[in-house]
Amino acid sequence: MEFPTTIQGLLDALQTPGLIAIVVGWLWSQVVEYVPAWANLQSKYKRLVFLGLSLLIPVIALAISCGAATCDADSWYRAITAGIISFGSGTIAFLSRPVKNDT
């Protein structure tokens, strides 16, 4: 595979569900840090909220894309799998940050 030299090339390279989910999870991990209420949550609740968002977004996107049509079980499986991969990559991105020391 050739290294992408344009934005379109990068997007073409990222068009697999697993890679998209990894990038989205990393982006979610970065975005939630800017929400003021996020800092006040205990760590276990942060992970639960992050898991909920990671699962909710692909499921809602699938439901919207299906519209009035019926989605098959494979589509739901892929949406839930993407959410789990997104959660995992966001957690890894969060855990790989340096620890802030207040002293």
C-alpha atoms as a PDB file:
ATOM      1  CA  MET A   1       0.000   0.000   0.000  1.00  0.00           C
ATOM      2  CA  GLU A   2       1.288   3.389  -0.969  1.00  0.00           C
ATOM      3  CA  PHE A   3       1.508   6.190   1.597  1.00  0.00           C
ATOM      4  CA  PRO A   4      -1.409   8.637   1.081  1.00  0.00           C
ATOM      5  CA  THR A   5      -0.255  12.071  -0.082  1.00  0.00           C
ATOM      6  CA  THR A   6      -3.604  13.887  -0.048  1.00  0.00           C
ATOM      7  CA  ILE A   7      -6.576  14.163   2.281  1.00  0.00           C
ATOM      8  CA  GLN A   8      -8.604  12.060  -0.159  1.00  0.00           C
ATOM      9  CA  GLY A   9      -5.880   9.431  -0.137  1.00  0.00           C
ATOM     10  CA  LEU A  10      -5.944   9.365   3.643  1.00  0.00           C
ATOM     11  CA  LEU A  11      -9.727   9.029   3.683  1.00  0.00           C
ATOM     12  CA  ASP A  12      -9.540   6.222   1.118  1.00  0.00           C
ATOM     13  CA  ALA A  13      -7.023   4.400   3.313  1.00  0.00           C
ATOM     14  CA  LEU A  14      -9.252   4.769   6.363  1.00  0.00           C
ATOM     15  CA  GLN A  15     -12.394   3.359   4.763  1.00  0.00           C
ATOM     16  CA  THR A  16     -12.506   0.141   6.701  1.00  0.00           C
ATOM     17  CA  PRO A  17     -14.877  -0.145   9.666  1.00  0.00           C
ATOM     18  CA  GLY A  18     -12.132  -1.079  12.111  1.00  0.00           C
ATOM     19  CA  LEU A  19      -9.853   1.831  11.215  1.00  0.00           C
ATOM     20  CA  ILE A  20     -12.722   4.315  11.195  1.00  0.00           C
ATOM     21  CA  ALA A  21     -13.776   3.123  14.650  1.00  0.00           C
ATOM     22  CA  ILE A  22     -10.221   3.459  15.962  1.00  0.00           C
ATOM     23  CA  VAL A  23      -9.945   7.034  14.688  1.00  0.00           C
ATOM     24  CA  VAL A  24     -13.389   7.961  16.022  1.00  0.00           C
ATOM     25  CA  GLY A  25     -12.558   6.506  19.441  1.00  0.00           C
ATOM     26  CA  TRP A  26      -9.354   8.502  19.582  1.00  0.00           C
ATOM     27  CA  LEU A  27     -11.193  11.675  18.540  1.00  0.00           C
ATOM     28  CA  TRP A  28     -13.936  11.091  21.156  1.00  0.00           C
ATOM     29  CA  SER A  29     -11.235  10.665  23.782  1.00  0.00           C
ATOM     30  CA  GLN A  30      -9.788  14.051  22.839  1.00  0.00           C
ATOM     31  CA  VAL A  31     -13.144  15.865  22.593  1.00  0.00           C
ATOM     32  CA  VAL A  32     -14.628  14.760  25.921  1.00  0.00           C
ATOM     33  CA  GLU A  33     -11.659  16.249  27.783  1.00  0.00           C
ATOM     34  CA  TYR A  34     -12.923  19.710  26.767  1.00  0.00           C
ATOM     35  CA  VAL A  35     -16.363  19.208  28.354  1.00  0.00           C
ATOM     36  CA  PRO A  36     -16.216  20.975  31.754  1.00  0.00           C
ATOM     37  CA  ALA A  37     -18.410  18.419  33.557  1.00  0.00           C
ATOM     38  CA  TRP A  38     -16.106  15.604  32.423  1.00  0.00           C
ATOM     39  CA  ALA A  39     -13.390  16.610  34.898  1.00  0.00           C
ATOM     40  CA  ASN A  40     -15.852  16.298  37.801  1.00  0.00           C
ATOM     41  CA  LEU A  41     -16.799  12.689  37.040  1.00  0.00           C
ATOM     42  CA  GLN A  42     -15.186   9.773  38.823  1.00  0.00           C
ATOM     43  CA  SER A  43     -13.034   7.583  36.613  1.00  0.00           C
ATOM     44  CA  LYS A  44     -15.466   4.637  36.595  1.00  0.00           C
ATOM     45  CA  TYR A  45     -18.318   6.904  35.474  1.00  0.00           C
ATOM     46  CA  LYS A  46     -16.152   8.443  32.760  1.00  0.00           C
ATOM     47  CA  ARG A  47     -15.583   4.984  31.288  1.00  0.00           C
ATOM     48  CA  LEU A  48     -19.309   4.140  31.464  1.00  0.00           C
ATOM     49  CA  VAL A  49     -20.311   7.392  29.768  1.00  0.00           C
ATOM     50  CA  PHE A  50     -17.605   6.902  27.155  1.00  0.00           C
ATOM     51  CA  LEU A  51     -18.789   3.333  26.514  1.00  0.00           C
ATOM     52  CA  GLY A  52     -22.377   4.560  26.166  1.00  0.00           C
ATOM     53  CA  LEU A  53     -21.380   7.246  23.663  1.00  0.00           C
ATOM     54  CA  SER A  54     -19.172   4.842  21.745  1.00  0.00           C
ATOM     55  CA  LEU A  55     -22.031   2.365  21.352  1.00  0.00           C
ATOM     56  CA  LEU A  56     -24.815   4.909  20.905  1.00  0.00           C
ATOM     57  CA  ILE A  57     -23.299   6.848  18.000  1.00  0.00           C
ATOM     58  CA  PRO A  58     -22.939   3.941  15.500  1.00  0.00           C
ATOM     59  CA  VAL A  59     -26.295   2.449  16.539  1.00  0.00           C
ATOM     60  CA  ILE A  60     -28.085   5.783  15.985  1.00  0.00           C
ATOM     61  CA  ALA A  61     -26.252   6.277  12.687  1.00  0.00           C
ATOM     62  CA  LEU A  62     -27.364   2.828  11.539  1.00  0.00           C
ATOM     63  CA  ALA A  63     -30.945   3.424  12.646  1.00  0.00           C
ATOM     64  CA  ILE A  64     -31.031   6.692  10.707  1.00  0.00           C
ATOM     65  CA  SER A  65     -29.482   5.140   7.613  1.00  0.00           C
ATOM     66  CA  CYS A  66     -32.003   2.287   7.687  1.00  0.00           C
ATOM     67  CA  GLY A  67     -34.920   4.694   7.893  1.00  0.00           C
ATOM     68  CA  ALA A  68     -38.135   2.820   7.202  1.00  0.00           C
ATOM     69  CA  ALA A  69     -36.241  -0.190   5.848  1.00  0.00           C
ATOM     70  CA  THR A  70     -35.387  -3.102   8.069  1.00  0.00           C
ATOM     71  CA  CYS A  71     -31.715  -3.523   8.914  1.00  0.00           C
ATOM     72  CA  ASP A  72     -30.343  -7.038   8.964  1.00  0.00           C
ATOM     73  CA  ALA A  73     -28.602  -8.588  11.974  1.00  0.00           C
ATOM     74  CA  ASP A  74     -25.192  -8.284  10.326  1.00  0.00           C
ATOM     75  CA  SER A  75     -25.569  -4.491  10.112  1.00  0.00           C
ATOM     76  CA  TRP A  76     -26.403  -4.267  13.815  1.00  0.00           C
ATOM     77  CA  TYR A  77     -23.490  -6.548  14.650  1.00  0.00           C
ATOM     78  CA  ARG A  78     -21.088  -4.348  12.671  1.00  0.00           C
ATOM     79  CA  ALA A  79     -22.433  -1.168  14.341  1.00  0.00           C
ATOM     80  CA  ILE A  80     -22.017  -2.615  17.834  1.00  0.00           C
ATOM     81  CA  THR A  81     -18.563  -3.966  16.953  1.00  0.00           C
ATOM     82  CA  ALA A  82     -17.535  -0.520  15.695  1.00  0.00           C
ATOM     83  CA  GLY A  83     -18.711   0.971  18.995  1.00  0.00           C
ATOM     84  CA  ILE A  84     -16.679  -1.522  21.012  1.00  0.00           C
ATOM     85  CA  ILE A  85     -13.571  -0.893  18.903  1.00  0.00           C
ATOM     86  CA  SER A  86     -14.116   2.850  19.284  1.00  0.00           C
ATOM     87  CA  PHE A  87     -14.389   2.484  23.052  1.00  0.00           C
ATOM     88  CA  GLY A  88     -11.222   0.413  23.159  1.00  0.00           C
ATOM     89  CA  SER A  89      -9.158   2.847  21.115  1.00  0.00           C
ATOM     90  CA  GLY A  90     -10.454   5.810  23.120  1.00  0.00           C
ATOM     91  CA  THR A  91      -9.531   4.052  26.340  1.00  0.00           C
ATOM     92  CA  ILE A  92      -6.045   3.299  25.045  1.00  0.00           C
ATOM     93  CA  ALA A  93      -5.638   6.931  23.964  1.00  0.00           C
ATOM     94  CA  PHE A  94      -6.773   8.066  27.419  1.00  0.00           C
ATOM     95  CA  LEU A  95      -4.469   5.656  29.261  1.00  0.00           C
ATOM     96  CA  SER A  96      -1.451   6.595  27.139  1.00  0.00           C
ATOM     97  CA  ARG A  97      -1.591  10.246  28.251  1.00  0.00           C
ATOM     98  CA  PRO A  98       0.955  11.404  30.810  1.00  0.00           C
ATOM     99  CA  VAL A  99      -0.382  11.632  34.359  1.00  0.00           C
ATOM    100  CA  LYS A 100      -0.834  15.202  35.599  1.00  0.00           C
ATOM    101  CA  ASN A 101       0.783  15.767  38.957  1.00  0.00           C
ATOM    102  CA  ASP A 102      -0.731  18.620  40.980  1.00  0.00           C
ATOM    103  CA  THR A 103       2.193  18.915  43.397  1.00  0.00           C
END
